[in-house]
Amino acid sequence: DPTGTGDIPAFTAVNTSTAPVIATITAVATPNNCPGPPQSTTITVNPTAQVNDSPDLTVCHNQNIPVTLFSTLNTGGSTSYTWTNDNTTVGLTAAGTGNLPAFTALNTTTLPVTATITVTPAFTNAAVTCPGPSQTFTITINPTAQADDPADQALCNGDPVAAVNFTTANTGGTTSYTWTNSNPTVGL
């Protein structure tokens, strides 16, 4: 309500924007119909903290992952971030504050491993900190590519050569193979 008489009743603060909003309340006391000087106070309502969603990432074992910079749509104050990681075997600590630091992705298994990163924002303005909803993203780390060593073949001229089928111990994804031949005179 833009106007009223008497005391201001308790109410729930509302701010659906991305920046603080300020209401200036001016009151005039009027004892015996003689108005006094106006007195003003402000009510600042901060927005809910917000963090933009980071994209999911898929990398290889031993790959360097650069710093992940978090961002927000909030303005008019400062936004800080805390984050957690549910899988420390990937080379990243369990929790931190600020941006996600650079790290070397680790996966010594034979299948992809995934870490879920949960980022929680907090917006601060006028000495009041307001939390916001968390966002999550994943970092999937594929194992080092591996090929089993195929059996050697020794043959006579004119003998048929058995097909060489490559295999791997890796699971949970698709492994493709490229090969080279050092001596094309053998018929391949």
Protein backbone atom coordinates (compact mmCIF):
# COMPACT_ATOMS: atom_id res chain seq x y z
CA ASP A 1 0.00 0.00 0.00
CA PRO A 2 1.52 3.41 -0.89
CA THR A 3 -0.12 5.26 2.04
CA GLY A 4 -1.57 4.60 5.46
CA THR A 5 -2.24 5.91 8.93
CA GLY A 6 -0.91 4.73 12.25
CA ASP A 7 1.88 2.18 12.52
CA ILE A 8 3.13 0.17 9.54
CA PRO A 9 2.03 -3.44 10.02
CA ALA A 10 4.45 -6.33 9.68
CA PHE A 11 4.69 -7.64 6.13
CA THR A 12 6.69 -10.04 3.95
CA ALA A 13 9.44 -8.38 1.92
CA VAL A 14 9.12 -8.90 -1.85
CA ASN A 15 11.75 -8.40 -4.55
CA THR A 16 11.44 -10.45 -7.73
CA SER A 17 14.14 -8.47 -9.58
CA THR A 18 17.89 -9.12 -9.73
CA ALA A 19 18.90 -5.92 -7.89
CA PRO A 20 18.10 -4.42 -4.49
CA VAL A 21 14.96 -2.27 -4.29
CA ILE A 22 14.62 0.58 -1.81
CA ALA A 23 11.41 2.01 -0.41
CA THR A 24 11.54 5.35 1.40
CA ILE A 25 8.87 5.69 4.09
CA THR A 26 8.06 9.25 5.14
CA ALA A 27 5.92 9.80 8.23
CA VAL A 28 4.41 13.01 9.57
CA ALA A 29 3.15 13.22 13.14
CA THR A 30 0.03 15.36 13.52
CA PRO A 31 -0.83 15.87 17.19
CA ASN A 32 -3.93 18.04 17.64
CA ASN A 33 -4.06 18.64 13.85
CA CYS A 34 -0.67 20.42 13.93
CA PRO A 35 1.71 18.58 11.56
CA GLY A 36 5.33 18.12 12.65
CA PRO A 37 8.43 17.83 10.47
CA PRO A 38 8.52 14.73 8.18
CA GLN A 39 10.72 11.81 9.26
CA SER A 40 12.03 9.29 6.71
CA THR A 41 13.37 5.76 6.86
CA THR A 42 14.27 3.30 4.14
CA ILE A 43 13.57 -0.37 3.67
CA THR A 44 16.04 -2.15 1.36
CA VAL A 45 14.97 -5.52 0.01
CA ASN A 46 17.75 -7.57 -1.55
CA PRO A 47 17.01 -10.02 -4.37
CA THR A 48 17.31 -13.76 -3.95
CA ALA A 49 20.89 -14.83 -4.72
CA GLN A 50 21.31 -16.46 -8.12
CA VAL A 51 24.09 -18.34 -9.94
CA ASN A 52 24.12 -19.09 -13.66
CA ASP A 53 24.23 -22.80 -14.48
CA SER A 54 27.66 -24.04 -15.61
CA PRO A 55 27.69 -26.46 -18.55
CA ASP A 56 28.43 -30.14 -17.99
CA LEU A 57 31.96 -31.11 -18.98
CA THR A 58 33.48 -34.33 -20.36
CA VAL A 59 37.28 -34.66 -20.38
CA CYS A 60 39.99 -37.32 -20.47
CA HIS A 61 42.18 -38.66 -17.69
CA ASN A 62 45.15 -36.38 -16.93
CA GLN A 63 43.59 -33.43 -18.78
CA ASN A 64 44.02 -29.99 -17.22
CA ILE A 65 40.69 -28.36 -16.39
CA PRO A 66 40.90 -24.54 -16.19
CA VAL A 67 39.26 -22.43 -13.49
CA THR A 68 35.45 -22.50 -13.74
CA LEU A 69 34.20 -18.94 -13.26
CA PHE A 70 30.77 -18.63 -11.69
CA SER A 71 28.52 -15.72 -12.70
CA THR A 72 25.18 -14.21 -11.74
CA LEU A 73 22.44 -11.94 -13.03
CA ASN A 74 22.35 -10.12 -9.65
CA THR A 75 23.55 -6.51 -9.54
CA GLY A 76 23.82 -3.80 -6.91
CA GLY A 77 25.69 -5.88 -4.34
CA SER A 78 28.14 -8.76 -4.31
CA THR A 79 27.56 -12.45 -4.91
CA SER A 80 29.75 -15.11 -3.33
CA TYR A 81 29.74 -18.83 -4.01
CA THR A 82 30.32 -22.03 -2.09
CA TRP A 83 30.59 -25.36 -3.87
CA THR A 84 30.75 -29.07 -3.08
CA ASN A 85 32.06 -32.03 -5.08
CA ASP A 86 30.60 -35.50 -4.47
CA ASN A 87 33.55 -37.45 -5.95
CA THR A 88 37.06 -36.46 -4.82
CA THR A 89 38.69 -39.32 -6.78
CA VAL A 90 38.53 -37.06 -9.88
CA GLY A 91 41.29 -34.80 -8.49
CA LEU A 92 39.12 -32.02 -7.04
CA THR A 93 38.66 -31.35 -3.32
CA ALA A 94 35.32 -31.98 -1.58
CA ALA A 95 34.35 -28.32 -1.11
CA GLY A 96 35.45 -24.73 -1.54
CA THR A 97 34.47 -21.09 -1.84
CA GLY A 98 34.67 -18.78 -4.84
CA ASN A 99 35.26 -20.11 -8.33
CA LEU A 100 36.06 -23.77 -9.00
CA PRO A 101 39.88 -23.99 -9.12
CA ALA A 102 41.87 -25.45 -11.99
CA PHE A 103 42.81 -29.09 -11.48
CA THR A 104 44.10 -32.15 -13.31
CA ALA A 105 41.31 -34.63 -14.04
CA LEU A 106 42.00 -38.12 -12.69
CA ASN A 107 40.49 -41.45 -13.64
CA THR A 108 42.58 -44.58 -13.19
CA THR A 109 39.64 -46.94 -13.71
CA THR A 110 38.47 -48.57 -16.95
CA LEU A 111 35.14 -46.76 -17.10
CA PRO A 112 34.03 -43.10 -17.04
CA VAL A 113 33.65 -41.48 -13.60
CA THR A 114 31.46 -38.49 -12.84
CA ALA A 115 31.63 -35.79 -10.19
CA THR A 116 28.57 -33.66 -9.44
CA ILE A 117 29.43 -30.09 -8.47
CA THR A 118 26.80 -28.17 -6.48
CA VAL A 119 27.19 -24.38 -6.42
CA THR A 120 25.30 -22.25 -3.88
CA PRO A 121 25.17 -18.43 -4.21
CA ALA A 122 24.82 -15.77 -1.51
CA PHE A 123 24.00 -12.12 -2.32
CA THR A 124 25.24 -9.39 0.05
CA ASN A 125 24.12 -5.75 0.15
CA ALA A 126 23.58 -3.26 3.01
CA ALA A 127 25.21 -5.72 5.45
CA VAL A 128 22.54 -8.35 4.76
CA THR A 129 23.35 -11.67 3.06
CA CYS A 130 20.59 -13.52 1.23
CA PRO A 131 21.00 -17.15 0.13
CA GLY A 132 19.78 -18.53 -3.16
CA PRO A 133 19.01 -21.87 -4.80
CA SER A 134 21.89 -24.14 -5.79
CA GLN A 135 22.81 -25.15 -9.33
CA THR A 136 24.56 -28.41 -10.23
CA PHE A 137 26.73 -29.50 -13.11
CA THR A 138 28.78 -32.61 -13.80
CA ILE A 139 32.35 -33.31 -14.79
CA THR A 140 32.75 -36.70 -16.46
CA ILE A 141 36.27 -38.04 -16.82
CA ASN A 142 36.87 -40.76 -19.38
CA PRO A 143 39.59 -43.33 -18.71
CA THR A 144 42.83 -43.43 -20.66
CA ALA A 145 42.27 -45.21 -23.96
CA GLN A 146 43.67 -48.74 -23.87
CA ALA A 147 43.97 -51.56 -26.40
CA ASP A 148 44.76 -55.16 -25.55
CA ASP A 149 47.87 -56.49 -27.31
CA PRO A 150 46.73 -58.74 -30.20
CA ALA A 151 48.56 -62.02 -30.79
CA ASP A 152 51.48 -61.95 -33.24
CA GLN A 153 51.13 -64.04 -36.44
CA ALA A 154 53.87 -65.86 -38.34
CA LEU A 155 52.87 -67.08 -41.84
CA CYS A 156 54.17 -68.44 -45.09
CA ASN A 157 53.89 -66.60 -48.40
CA GLY A 158 50.35 -67.15 -49.72
CA ASP A 159 48.84 -68.12 -46.35
CA PRO A 160 45.61 -66.34 -45.32
CA VAL A 161 46.07 -63.83 -42.51
CA ALA A 162 43.51 -64.04 -39.69
CA ALA A 163 41.58 -60.87 -38.97
CA VAL A 164 42.96 -58.81 -36.11
CA ASN A 165 40.11 -57.79 -33.80
CA PHE A 166 41.13 -55.17 -31.29
CA THR A 167 39.75 -55.32 -27.76
CA THR A 168 39.99 -53.20 -24.63
CA ALA A 169 39.50 -53.51 -20.89
CA ASN A 170 37.63 -50.16 -20.91
CA THR A 171 33.88 -50.26 -20.36
CA GLY A 172 31.05 -47.76 -20.18
CA GLY A 173 31.79 -46.03 -23.47
CA THR A 174 32.96 -46.68 -26.99
CA THR A 175 36.58 -47.36 -27.92
CA SER A 176 37.68 -46.86 -31.51
CA TYR A 177 41.04 -47.87 -32.98
CA THR A 178 43.39 -46.49 -35.59
CA TRP A 179 46.39 -48.43 -36.87
CA THR A 180 49.39 -48.06 -39.15
CA ASN A 181 51.40 -50.65 -41.11
CA SER A 182 55.19 -50.23 -41.21
CA ASN A 183 55.62 -52.49 -44.29
CA PRO A 184 52.90 -52.44 -46.99
CA THR A 185 54.80 -55.07 -49.06
CA VAL A 186 53.24 -57.82 -46.86
CA GLY A 187 49.93 -57.36 -48.69
CA LEU A 188 48.17 -55.00 -46.29
